[in-house]
PDB file of N, CA and C in Angstrom:
ATOM      1  N   MET A   1       0.826  -1.193   0.000  1.00  0.00           N
ATOM      2  CA  MET A   1       0.000   0.000   0.000  1.00  0.00           C
ATOM      3  C   MET A   1       0.873   1.261   0.000  1.00  0.00           C
ATOM      4  N   TRP A   2       2.004   1.158   0.685  1.00  0.00           N
ATOM      5  CA  TRP A   2       2.921   2.288   0.738  1.00  0.00           C
ATOM      6  C   TRP A   2       3.430   2.635  -0.665  1.00  0.00           C
ATOM      7  N   LEU A   3       3.771   1.621  -1.454  1.00  0.00           N
ATOM      8  CA  LEU A   3       4.240   1.849  -2.820  1.00  0.00           C
ATOM      9  C   LEU A   3       3.134   2.422  -3.694  1.00  0.00           C
ATOM     10  N   ILE A   4       1.912   1.973  -3.483  1.00  0.00           N
ATOM     11  CA  ILE A   4       0.785   2.500  -4.252  1.00  0.00           C
ATOM     12  C   ILE A   4       0.575   3.972  -3.935  1.00  0.00           C
ATOM     13  N   ASN A   5       0.650   4.343  -2.669  1.00  0.00           N
ATOM     14  CA  ASN A   5       0.503   5.751  -2.299  1.00  0.00           C
ATOM     15  C   ASN A   5       1.651   6.595  -2.846  1.00  0.00           C
ATOM     16  N   ALA A   6       2.852   6.044  -2.844  1.00  0.00           N
ATOM     17  CA  ALA A   6       3.995   6.765  -3.418  1.00  0.00           C
ATOM     18  C   ALA A   6       3.806   6.951  -4.923  1.00  0.00           C
ATOM     19  N   ALA A   7       3.321   5.933  -5.598  1.00  0.00           N
ATOM     20  CA  ALA A   7       3.040   6.056  -7.031  1.00  0.00           C
ATOM     21  C   ALA A   7       1.935   7.075  -7.285  1.00  0.00           C
ATOM     22  N   ALA A   8       0.948   7.123  -6.398  1.00  0.00           N
ATOM     23  CA  ALA A   8      -0.132   8.105  -6.531  1.00  0.00           C
ATOM     24  C   ALA A   8       0.398   9.525  -6.356  1.00  0.00           C
ATOM     25  N   VAL A   9       1.285   9.723  -5.390  1.00  0.00           N
ATOM     26  CA  VAL A   9       1.887  11.048  -5.174  1.00  0.00           C
ATOM     27  C   VAL A   9       2.726  11.440  -6.382  1.00  0.00           C
ATOM     28  N   TYR A  10       3.522  10.520  -6.877  1.00  0.00           N
ATOM     29  CA  TYR A  10       4.397  10.803  -8.017  1.00  0.00           C
ATOM     30  C   TYR A  10       3.579  11.100  -9.275  1.00  0.00           C
ATOM     31  N   THR A  11       2.534  10.316  -9.501  1.00  0.00           N
ATOM     32  CA  THR A  11       1.667  10.525 -10.662  1.00  0.00           C
ATOM     33  C   THR A  11       0.949  11.868 -10.563  1.00  0.00           C
ATOM     34  N   THR A  12       0.450  12.192  -9.390  1.00  0.00           N
ATOM     35  CA  THR A  12      -0.236  13.464  -9.188  1.00  0.00           C
ATOM     36  C   THR A  12       0.704  14.633  -9.442  1.00  0.00           C
ATOM     37  N   ALA A  13       1.925  14.529  -8.974  1.00  0.00           N
ATOM     38  CA  ALA A  13       2.898  15.605  -9.190  1.00  0.00           C
ATOM     39  C   ALA A  13       3.239  15.758 -10.668  1.00  0.00           C
ATOM     40  N   SER A  14       3.230  14.661 -11.399  1.00  0.00           N
ATOM     41  CA  SER A  14       3.537  14.767 -12.824  1.00  0.00           C
ATOM     42  C   SER A  14       2.343  15.301 -13.622  1.00  0.00           C
ATOM     43  N   LEU A  15       1.128  15.140 -13.103  1.00  0.00           N
ATOM     44  CA  LEU A  15      -0.060  15.619 -13.812  1.00  0.00           C
ATOM     45  C   LEU A  15      -0.428  17.058 -13.471  1.00  0.00           C
ATOM     46  N   LEU A  16      -0.190  17.474 -12.249  1.00  0.00           N
ATOM     47  CA  LEU A  16      -0.591  18.803 -11.802  1.00  0.00           C
ATOM     48  C   LEU A  16       0.625  19.724 -11.707  1.00  0.00           C
ATOM     49  N   GLY A  17       0.483  20.913 -12.225  1.00  0.00           N
ATOM     50  CA  GLY A  17       1.598  21.853 -12.236  1.00  0.00           C
ATOM     51  C   GLY A  17       1.908  22.483 -10.889  1.00  0.00           C
ATOM     52  N   GLY A  18       0.954  22.508  -9.979  1.00  0.00           N
ATOM     53  CA  GLY A  18       1.149  23.166  -8.697  1.00  0.00           C
ATOM     54  C   GLY A  18       1.724  22.279  -7.617  1.00  0.00           C
ATOM     55  N   ILE A  19       1.992  21.022  -7.955  1.00  0.00           N
ATOM     56  CA  ILE A  19       2.570  20.078  -6.989  1.00  0.00           C
ATOM     57  C   ILE A  19       3.879  19.563  -7.571  1.00  0.00           C
ATOM     58  N   TYR A  20       4.923  19.619  -6.755  1.00  0.00           N
ATOM     59  CA  TYR A  20       6.261  19.246  -7.204  1.00  0.00           C
ATOM     60  C   TYR A  20       6.821  18.169  -6.300  1.00  0.00           C
ATOM     61  N   VAL A  21       7.358  17.117  -6.910  1.00  0.00           N
ATOM     62  CA  VAL A  21       8.092  16.096  -6.169  1.00  0.00           C
ATOM     63  C   VAL A  21       9.416  15.884  -6.906  1.00  0.00           C
ATOM     64  N   LYS A  22      10.502  15.865  -6.141  1.00  0.00           N
ATOM     65  CA  LYS A  22      11.846  15.824  -6.722  1.00  0.00           C
ATOM     66  C   LYS A  22      12.138  14.489  -7.402  1.00  0.00           C
ATOM     67  N   SER A  23      11.817  13.375  -6.737  1.00  0.00           N
ATOM     68  CA  SER A  23      12.113  12.052  -7.275  1.00  0.00           C
ATOM     69  C   SER A  23      11.139  11.044  -6.686  1.00  0.00           C
ATOM     70  N   PHE A  24      11.232   9.817  -7.165  1.00  0.00           N
ATOM     71  CA  PHE A  24      10.359   8.788  -6.613  1.00  0.00           C
ATOM     72  C   PHE A  24      10.704   8.494  -5.154  1.00  0.00           C
ATOM     73  N   TRP A  25      11.982   8.672  -4.794  1.00  0.00           N
ATOM     74  CA  TRP A  25      12.376   8.484  -3.394  1.00  0.00           C
ATOM     75  C   TRP A  25      11.699   9.516  -2.501  1.00  0.00           C
ATOM     76  N   SER A  26      11.592  10.732  -3.006  1.00  0.00           N
ATOM     77  CA  SER A  26      10.859  11.759  -2.260  1.00  0.00           C
ATOM     78  C   SER A  26       9.390  11.397  -2.150  1.00  0.00           C
ATOM     79  N   ALA A  27       8.839  10.820  -3.221  1.00  0.00           N
ATOM     80  CA  ALA A  27       7.440  10.391  -3.195  1.00  0.00           C
ATOM     81  C   ALA A  27       7.235   9.276  -2.170  1.00  0.00           C
ATOM     82  N   LEU A  28       8.212   8.381  -2.032  1.00  0.00           N
ATOM     83  CA  LEU A  28       8.122   7.339  -1.003  1.00  0.00           C
ATOM     84  C   LEU A  28       8.106   7.952   0.392  1.00  0.00           C
ATOM     85  N   LEU A  29       8.952   8.955   0.603  1.00  0.00           N
ATOM     86  CA  LEU A  29       8.990   9.629   1.896  1.00  0.00           C
ATOM     87  C   LEU A  29       7.691  10.390   2.159  1.00  0.00           C
ATOM     88  N   VAL A  30       7.149  11.025   1.126  1.00  0.00           N
ATOM     89  CA  VAL A  30       5.869  11.737   1.264  1.00  0.00           C
ATOM     90  C   VAL A  30       4.759  10.752   1.624  1.00  0.00           C
ATOM     91  N   ALA A  31       4.747   9.588   0.985  1.00  0.00           N
ATOM     92  CA  ALA A  31       3.728   8.582   1.294  1.00  0.00           C
ATOM     93  C   ALA A  31       3.838   8.116   2.744  1.00  0.00           C
ATOM     94  N   LEU A  32       5.062   7.951   3.221  1.00  0.00           N
ATOM     95  CA  LEU A  32       5.265   7.562   4.617  1.00  0.00           C
ATOM     96  C   LEU A  32       4.788   8.659   5.573  1.00  0.00           C
ATOM     97  N   VAL A  33       5.170   9.893   5.292  1.00  0.00           N
ATOM     98  CA  VAL A  33       4.773  11.012   6.152  1.00  0.00           C
ATOM     99  C   VAL A  33       3.259  11.204   6.114  1.00  0.00           C
ATOM    100  N   LEU A  34       2.655  11.111   4.932  1.00  0.00           N
ATOM    101  CA  LEU A  34       1.198  11.232   4.840  1.00  0.00           C
ATOM    102  C   LEU A  34       0.500  10.129   5.623  1.00  0.00           C
ATOM    103  N   GLY A  35       1.040   8.930   5.570  1.00  0.00           N
ATOM    104  CA  GLY A  35       0.464   7.832   6.342  1.00  0.00           C
ATOM    105  C   GLY A  35       0.509   8.109   7.834  1.00  0.00           C
ATOM    106  N   LEU A  36       1.635   8.622   8.301  1.00  0.00           N
ATOM    107  CA  LEU A  36       1.749   8.954   9.723  1.00  0.00           C
ATOM    108  C   LEU A  36       0.839  10.116  10.114  1.00  0.00           C
ATOM    109  N   ILE A  37       0.789  11.136   9.271  1.00  0.00           N
ATOM    110  CA  ILE A  37      -0.082  12.279   9.545  1.00  0.00           C
ATOM    111  C   ILE A  37      -1.542  11.842   9.573  1.00  0.00           C
ATOM    112  N   ASN A  38      -1.931  11.021   8.598  1.00  0.00           N
ATOM    113  CA  ASN A  38      -3.324  10.561   8.524  1.00  0.00           C
ATOM    114  C   ASN A  38      -3.684   9.630   9.673  1.00  0.00           C
ATOM    115  N   ALA A  39      -2.701   8.977  10.249  1.00  0.00           N
ATOM    116  CA  ALA A  39      -2.978   8.084  11.378  1.00  0.00           C
ATOM    117  C   ALA A  39      -3.003   8.814  12.716  1.00  0.00           C
ATOM    118  N   ILE A  40      -2.254   9.904  12.830  1.00  0.00           N
ATOM    119  CA  ILE A  40      -2.111  10.564  14.133  1.00  0.00           C
ATOM    120  C   ILE A  40      -2.888  11.883  14.207  1.00  0.00           C
ATOM    121  N   ILE A  41      -2.665  12.766  13.262  1.00  0.00           N
ATOM    122  CA  ILE A  41      -3.224  14.116  13.349  1.00  0.00           C
ATOM    123  C   ILE A  41      -4.631  14.210  12.766  1.00  0.00           C
ATOM    124  N   LYS A  42      -4.867  13.541  11.643  1.00  0.00           N
ATOM    125  CA  LYS A  42      -6.153  13.666  10.962  1.00  0.00           C
ATOM    126  C   LYS A  42      -7.345  13.257  11.825  1.00  0.00           C
ATOM    127  N   PRO A  43      -7.285  12.160  12.572  1.00  0.00           N
ATOM    128  CA  PRO A  43      -8.451  11.810  13.410  1.00  0.00           C
ATOM    129  C   PRO A  43      -8.782  12.875  14.454  1.00  0.00           C
ATOM    130  N   VAL A  44      -7.769  13.529  14.987  1.00  0.00           N
ATOM    131  CA  VAL A  44      -8.007  14.597  15.970  1.00  0.00           C
ATOM    132  C   VAL A  44      -8.714  15.772  15.301  1.00  0.00           C
ATOM    133  N   LEU A  45      -8.241  16.159  14.111  1.00  0.00           N
ATOM    134  CA  LEU A  45      -8.885  17.252  13.385  1.00  0.00           C
ATOM    135  C   LEU A  45     -10.318  16.910  13.004  1.00  0.00           C
ATOM    136  N   ILE A  46     -10.545  15.681  12.606  1.00  0.00           N
ATOM    137  CA  ILE A  46     -11.904  15.271  12.242  1.00  0.00           C
ATOM    138  C   ILE A  46     -12.814  15.328  13.464  1.00  0.00           C
ATOM    139  N   PHE A  47     -12.325  14.873  14.604  1.00  0.00           N
ATOM    140  CA  PHE A  47     -13.142  14.899  15.820  1.00  0.00           C
ATOM    141  C   PHE A  47     -13.564  16.320  16.176  1.00  0.00           C
ATOM    142  N   PHE A  48     -12.616  17.251  16.133  1.00  0.00           N
ATOM    143  CA  PHE A  48     -12.927  18.617  16.521  1.00  0.00           C
ATOM    144  C   PHE A  48     -13.710  19.390  15.458  1.00  0.00           C
ATOM    145  N   SER A  49     -13.757  18.877  14.241  1.00  0.00           N
ATOM    146  CA  SER A  49     -14.483  19.582  13.184  1.00  0.00           C
ATOM    147  C   SER A  49     -15.768  18.870  12.771  1.00  0.00           C
ATOM    148  N   ILE A  50     -16.265  17.973  13.602  1.00  0.00           N
ATOM    149  CA  ILE A  50     -17.500  17.255  13.277  1.00  0.00           C
ATOM    150  C   ILE A  50     -18.650  18.205  12.947  1.00  0.00           C
ATOM    151  N   PRO A  51     -18.860  19.297  13.686  1.00  0.00           N
ATOM    152  CA  PRO A  51     -19.964  20.197  13.308  1.00  0.00           C
ATOM    153  C   PRO A  51     -19.811  20.769  11.891  1.00  0.00           C
ATOM    154  N   PHE A  52     -18.597  21.143  11.510  1.00  0.00           N
ATOM    155  CA  PHE A  52     -18.366  21.670  10.163  1.00  0.00           C
ATOM    156  C   PHE A  52     -18.586  20.594   9.103  1.00  0.00           C
ATOM    157  N   ILE A  53     -18.178  19.375   9.414  1.00  0.00           N
ATOM    158  CA  ILE A  53     -18.355  18.268   8.479  1.00  0.00           C
ATOM    159  C   ILE A  53     -19.840  17.997   8.268  1.00  0.00           C
ATOM    160  N   VAL A  54     -20.609  18.038   9.333  1.00  0.00           N
ATOM    161  CA  VAL A  54     -22.050  17.790   9.230  1.00  0.00           C
ATOM    162  C   VAL A  54     -22.733  18.905   8.444  1.00  0.00           C
ATOM    163  N   VAL A  55     -22.406  20.148   8.755  1.00  0.00           N
ATOM    164  CA  VAL A  55     -23.043  21.293   8.090  1.00  0.00           C
ATOM    165  C   VAL A  55     -22.721  21.319   6.596  1.00  0.00           C
ATOM    166  N   THR A  56     -21.498  20.958   6.237  1.00  0.00           N
ATOM    167  CA  THR A  56     -21.090  20.987   4.826  1.00  0.00           C
ATOM    168  C   THR A  56     -21.324  19.662   4.120  1.00  0.00           C
ATOM    169  N   LEU A  57     -22.001  18.738   4.786  1.00  0.00           N
ATOM    170  CA  LEU A  57     -22.301  17.414   4.219  1.00  0.00           C
ATOM    171  C   LEU A  57     -21.034  16.672   3.794  1.00  0.00           C
ATOM    172  N   GLY A  58     -19.977  16.824   4.564  1.00  0.00           N
ATOM    173  CA  GLY A  58     -18.738  16.093   4.334  1.00  0.00           C
ATOM    174  C   GLY A  58     -17.714  16.817   3.492  1.00  0.00           C
ATOM    175  N   LEU A  59     -18.081  17.937   2.894  1.00  0.00           N
ATOM    176  CA  LEU A  59     -17.130  18.648   2.039  1.00  0.00           C
ATOM    177  C   LEU A  59     -15.963  19.247   2.822  1.00  0.00           C
ATOM    178  N   PHE A  60     -16.148  19.454   4.114  1.00  0.00           N
ATOM    179  CA  PHE A  60     -15.050  19.980   4.933  1.00  0.00           C
ATOM    180  C   PHE A  60     -13.902  18.978   5.016  1.00  0.00           C
ATOM    181  N   LEU A  61     -14.168  17.711   4.752  1.00  0.00           N
ATOM    182  CA  LEU A  61     -13.093  16.709   4.737  1.00  0.00           C
ATOM    183  C   LEU A  61     -12.081  17.001   3.634  1.00  0.00           C
ATOM    184  N   LEU A  62     -12.524  17.642   2.541  1.00  0.00           N
ATOM    185  CA  LEU A  62     -11.581  18.058   1.493  1.00  0.00           C
ATOM    186  C   LEU A  62     -10.586  19.079   2.027  1.00  0.00           C
ATOM    187  N   ILE A  63     -11.074  19.967   2.870  1.00  0.00           N
ATOM    188  CA  ILE A  63     -10.205  20.972   3.476  1.00  0.00           C
ATOM    189  C   ILE A  63      -9.191  20.296   4.397  1.00  0.00           C
ATOM    190  N   ILE A  64      -9.652  19.337   5.180  1.00  0.00           N
ATOM    191  CA  ILE A  64      -8.750  18.626   6.089  1.00  0.00           C
ATOM    192  C   ILE A  64      -7.698  17.859   5.299  1.00  0.00           C
ATOM    193  N   ASN A  65      -8.099  17.181   4.224  1.00  0.00           N
ATOM    194  CA  ASN A  65      -7.133  16.450   3.400  1.00  0.00           C
ATOM    195  C   ASN A  65      -6.112  17.390   2.769  1.00  0.00           C
ATOM    196  N   ALA A  66      -6.563  18.554   2.322  1.00  0.00           N
ATOM    197  CA  ALA A  66      -5.638  19.529   1.741  1.00  0.00           C
ATOM    198  C   ALA A  66      -4.650  20.032   2.788  1.00  0.00           C
ATOM    199  N   LEU A  67      -5.137  20.267   4.009  1.00  0.00           N
ATOM    200  CA  LEU A  67      -4.241  20.697   5.083  1.00  0.00           C
ATOM    201  C   LEU A  67      -3.201  19.626   5.407  1.00  0.00           C
ATOM    202  N   MET A  68      -3.596  18.354   5.375  1.00  0.00           N
ATOM    203  CA  MET A  68      -2.652  17.272   5.637  1.00  0.00           C
ATOM    204  C   MET A  68      -1.588  17.200   4.540  1.00  0.00           C
ATOM    205  N   LEU A  69      -2.004  17.454   3.297  1.00  0.00           N
ATOM    206  CA  LEU A  69      -1.048  17.449   2.187  1.00  0.00           C
ATOM    207  C   LEU A  69      -0.073  18.622   2.309  1.00  0.00           C
ATOM    208  N   MET A  70      -0.574  19.777   2.715  1.00  0.00           N
ATOM    209  CA  MET A  70       0.318  20.930   2.897  1.00  0.00           C
ATOM    210  C   MET A  70       1.267  20.730   4.078  1.00  0.00           C
ATOM    211  N   LEU A  71       0.801  20.056   5.115  1.00  0.00           N
ATOM    212  CA  LEU A  71       1.678  19.736   6.239  1.00  0.00           C
ATOM    213  C   LEU A  71       2.790  18.789   5.788  1.00  0.00           C
ATOM    214  N   ALA A  72       2.445  17.802   4.982  1.00  0.00           N
ATOM    215  CA  ALA A  72       3.465  16.884   4.459  1.00  0.00           C
ATOM    216  C   ALA A  72       4.468  17.644   3.593  1.00  0.00           C
ATOM    217  N   ALA A  73       3.983  18.611   2.818  1.00  0.00           N
ATOM    218  CA  ALA A  73       4.894  19.410   1.987  1.00  0.00           C
ATOM    219  C   ALA A  73       5.830  20.247   2.843  1.00  0.00           C
ATOM    220  N   ALA A  74       5.346  20.687   3.995  1.00  0.00           N
ATOM    221  CA  ALA A  74       6.204  21.479   4.892  1.00  0.00           C
ATOM    222  C   ALA A  74       7.256  20.607   5.566  1.00  0.00           C
ATOM    223  N   LEU A  75       6.969  19.330   5.750  1.00  0.00           N
ATOM    224  CA  LEU A  75       7.876  18.448   6.471  1.00  0.00           C
ATOM    225  C   LEU A  75       8.894  17.741   5.581  1.00  0.00           C
ATOM    226  N   VAL A  76       8.588  17.549   4.305  1.00  0.00           N
ATOM    227  CA  VAL A  76       9.442  16.745   3.427  1.00  0.00           C
ATOM    228  C   VAL A  76      10.147  17.645   2.416  1.00  0.00           C
ATOM    229  N   ASN A  77      11.472  17.597   2.424  1.00  0.00           N
ATOM    230  CA  ASN A  77      12.246  18.299   1.395  1.00  0.00           C
ATOM    231  C   ASN A  77      12.071  17.564   0.073  1.00  0.00           C
ATOM    232  N   GLY A  78      11.963  18.315  -0.998  1.00  0.00           N
ATOM    233  CA  GLY A  78      11.773  17.707  -2.308  1.00  0.00           C
ATOM    234  C   GLY A  78      10.315  17.513  -2.667  1.00  0.00           C
ATOM    235  N   PHE A  79       9.415  18.048  -1.844  1.00  0.00           N
ATOM    236  CA  PHE A  79       7.979  17.987  -2.125  1.00  0.00           C
ATOM    237  C   PHE A  79       7.386  19.341  -1.798  1.00  0.00           C
ATOM    238  N   ALA A  80       6.644  19.903  -2.750  1.00  0.00           N
ATOM    239  CA  ALA A  80       6.082  21.238  -2.542  1.00  0.00           C
ATOM    240  C   ALA A  80       4.695  21.320  -3.157  1.00  0.00           C
ATOM    241  N   VAL A  81       3.845  22.087  -2.498  1.00  0.00           N
ATOM    242  CA  VAL A  81       2.512  22.410  -2.992  1.00  0.00           C
ATOM    243  C   VAL A  81       2.446  23.925  -3.055  1.00  0.00           C
ATOM    244  N   SER A  82       2.109  24.469  -4.237  1.00  0.00           N
ATOM    245  CA  SER A  82       2.226  25.913  -4.423  1.00  0.00           C
ATOM    246  C   SER A  82       1.113  26.721  -3.765  1.00  0.00           C
ATOM    247  N   SER A  83      -0.083  26.156  -3.627  1.00  0.00           N
ATOM    248  CA  SER A  83      -1.165  26.920  -3.007  1.00  0.00           C
ATOM    249  C   SER A  83      -2.196  25.968  -2.404  1.00  0.00           C
ATOM    250  N   PHE A  84      -3.133  26.548  -1.662  1.00  0.00           N
ATOM    251  CA  PHE A  84      -4.170  25.741  -1.031  1.00  0.00           C
ATOM    252  C   PHE A  84      -5.105  25.110  -2.068  1.00  0.00           C
ATOM    253  N   GLY A  85      -5.356  25.817  -3.144  1.00  0.00           N
ATOM    254  CA  GLY A  85      -6.177  25.260  -4.225  1.00  0.00           C
ATOM    255  C   GLY A  85      -5.541  24.033  -4.851  1.00  0.00           C
ATOM    256  N   TRP A  86      -4.227  24.111  -5.067  1.00  0.00           N
ATOM    257  CA  TRP A  86      -3.506  22.955  -5.595  1.00  0.00           C
ATOM    258  C   TRP A  86      -3.511  21.813  -4.586  1.00  0.00           C
ATOM    259  N   ALA A  87      -3.509  22.136  -3.308  1.00  0.00           N
ATOM    260  CA  ALA A  87      -3.547  21.092  -2.278  1.00  0.00           C
ATOM    261  C   ALA A  87      -4.890  20.361  -2.307  1.00  0.00           C
ATOM    262  N   ILE A  88      -5.980  21.089  -2.491  1.00  0.00           N
ATOM    263  CA  ILE A  88      -7.293  20.446  -2.590  1.00  0.00           C
ATOM    264  C   ILE A  88      -7.336  19.543  -3.818  1.00  0.00           C
ATOM    265  N   LEU A  89      -6.918  20.083  -4.962  1.00  0.00           N
ATOM    266  CA  LEU A  89      -6.919  19.290  -6.191  1.00  0.00           C
ATOM    267  C   LEU A  89      -5.960  18.109  -6.088  1.00  0.00           C
ATOM    268  N   GLY A  90      -4.805  18.332  -5.474  1.00  0.00           N
ATOM    269  CA  GLY A  90      -3.828  17.255  -5.305  1.00  0.00           C
ATOM    270  C   GLY A  90      -4.327  16.150  -4.401  1.00  0.00           C
ATOM    271  N   SER A  91      -5.013  16.510  -3.323  1.00  0.00           N
ATOM    272  CA  SER A  91      -5.534  15.473  -2.430  1.00  0.00           C
ATOM    273  C   SER A  91      -6.609  14.647  -3.139  1.00  0.00           C
ATOM    274  N   LEU A  92      -7.409  15.297  -3.989  1.00  0.00           N
ATOM    275  CA  LEU A  92      -8.396  14.551  -4.770  1.00  0.00           C
ATOM    276  C   LEU A  92      -7.724  13.584  -5.751  1.00  0.00           C
ATOM    277  N   PHE A  93      -6.695  14.089  -6.450  1.00  0.00           N
ATOM    278  CA  PHE A  93      -5.983  13.249  -7.415  1.00  0.00           C
ATOM    279  C   PHE A  93      -5.265  12.091  -6.735  1.00  0.00           C
ATOM    280  N   ILE A  94      -4.613  12.366  -5.615  1.00  0.00           N
ATOM    281  CA  ILE A  94      -3.900  11.300  -4.902  1.00  0.00           C
ATOM    282  C   ILE A  94      -4.886  10.219  -4.458  1.00  0.00           C
ATOM    283  N   SER A  95      -6.026  10.623  -3.948  1.00  0.00           N
ATOM    284  CA  SER A  95      -7.041   9.652  -3.525  1.00  0.00           C
ATOM    285  C   SER A  95      -7.556   8.846  -4.710  1.00  0.00           C
ATOM    286  N   LEU A  96      -7.812   9.518  -5.821  1.00  0.00           N
ATOM    287  CA  LEU A  96      -8.331   8.832  -7.006  1.00  0.00           C
ATOM    288  C   LEU A  96      -7.316   7.854  -7.578  1.00  0.00           C
ATOM    289  N   VAL A  97      -6.076   8.289  -7.731  1.00  0.00           N
ATOM    290  CA  VAL A  97      -5.038   7.415  -8.293  1.00  0.00           C
ATOM    291  C   VAL A  97      -4.753   6.250  -7.344  1.00  0.00           C
ATOM    292  N   SER A  98      -4.722   6.514  -6.054  1.00  0.00           N
ATOM    293  CA  SER A  98      -4.498   5.453  -5.072  1.00  0.00           C
ATOM    294  C   SER A  98      -5.632   4.430  -5.114  1.00  0.00           C
ATOM    295  N   TRP A  99      -6.857   4.915  -5.225  1.00  0.00           N
ATOM    296  CA  TRP A  99      -8.000   3.993  -5.316  1.00  0.00           C
ATOM    297  C   TRP A  99      -7.923   3.148  -6.586  1.00  0.00           C
ATOM    298  N   MET A 100      -7.576   3.780  -7.709  1.00  0.00           N
ATOM    299  CA  MET A 100      -7.482   3.046  -8.975  1.00  0.00           C
ATOM    300  C   MET A 100      -6.388   1.982  -8.913  1.00  0.00           C
ATOM    301  N   LEU A 101      -5.223   2.353  -8.413  1.00  0.00           N
ATOM    302  CA  LEU A 101      -4.124   1.382  -8.329  1.00  0.00           C
ATOM    303  C   LEU A 101      -4.437   0.273  -7.339  1.00  0.00           C
ATOM    304  N   SER A 102      -5.099   0.601  -6.239  1.00  0.00           N
ATOM    305  CA  SER A 102      -5.482  -0.429  -5.265  1.00  0.00           C
ATOM    306  C   SER A 102      -6.475  -1.413  -5.860  1.00  0.00           C
ATOM    307  N   SER A 103      -7.392  -0.917  -6.666  1.00  0.00           N
ATOM    308  CA  SER A 103      -8.369  -1.820  -7.275  1.00  0.00           C
ATOM    309  C   SER A 103      -7.730  -2.671  -8.378  1.00  0.00           C
ATOM    310  N   ILE A 104      -6.726  -2.131  -9.070  1.00  0.00           N
ATOM    311  CA  ILE A 104      -6.035  -2.906 -10.100  1.00  0.00           C
ATOM    312  C   ILE A 104      -5.219  -4.035  -9.479  1.00  0.00           C
ATOM    313  N   PHE A 105      -4.495  -3.724  -8.410  1.00  0.00           N
ATOM    314  CA  PHE A 105      -3.619  -4.705  -7.776  1.00  0.00           C
ATOM    315  C   PHE A 105      -4.283  -5.452  -6.637  1.00  0.00           C
ATOM    316  N   ASN A 106      -5.568  -5.225  -6.393  1.00  0.00           N
ATOM    317  CA  ASN A 106      -6.351  -5.913  -5.356  1.00  0.00           C
ATOM    318  C   ASN A 106      -5.694  -5.842  -3.979  1.00  0.00           C
ATOM    319  N   VAL A 107      -5.279  -4.639  -3.615  1.00  0.00           N
ATOM    320  CA  VAL A 107      -4.645  -4.445  -2.306  1.00  0.00           C
ATOM    321  C   VAL A 107      -5.683  -4.005  -1.312  1.00  0.00           C
TER     322      VAL A 107
END
């Protein structure tokens, strides 16, 4: 799954102009950092933002995912997101590519 997420990050960076990844090794590190962020920080943010998630019918989760991607960009050298809009689009692309690759490889 880690390799699939790294491939999703690398593919997203090659498709979107506002997201930059230096190499596939950087994409592997980004996938690891995103996994840790999503396991530790994201559940806390979701818990405290439940009212916003309910009011927006779940669309606030896009904001949380974009924030997690920008946090990963701040922590990993060789990975950059140019703006918050690119972070939203990038988080959507990473999720879509990861889902597609997971369904292809039955992971």
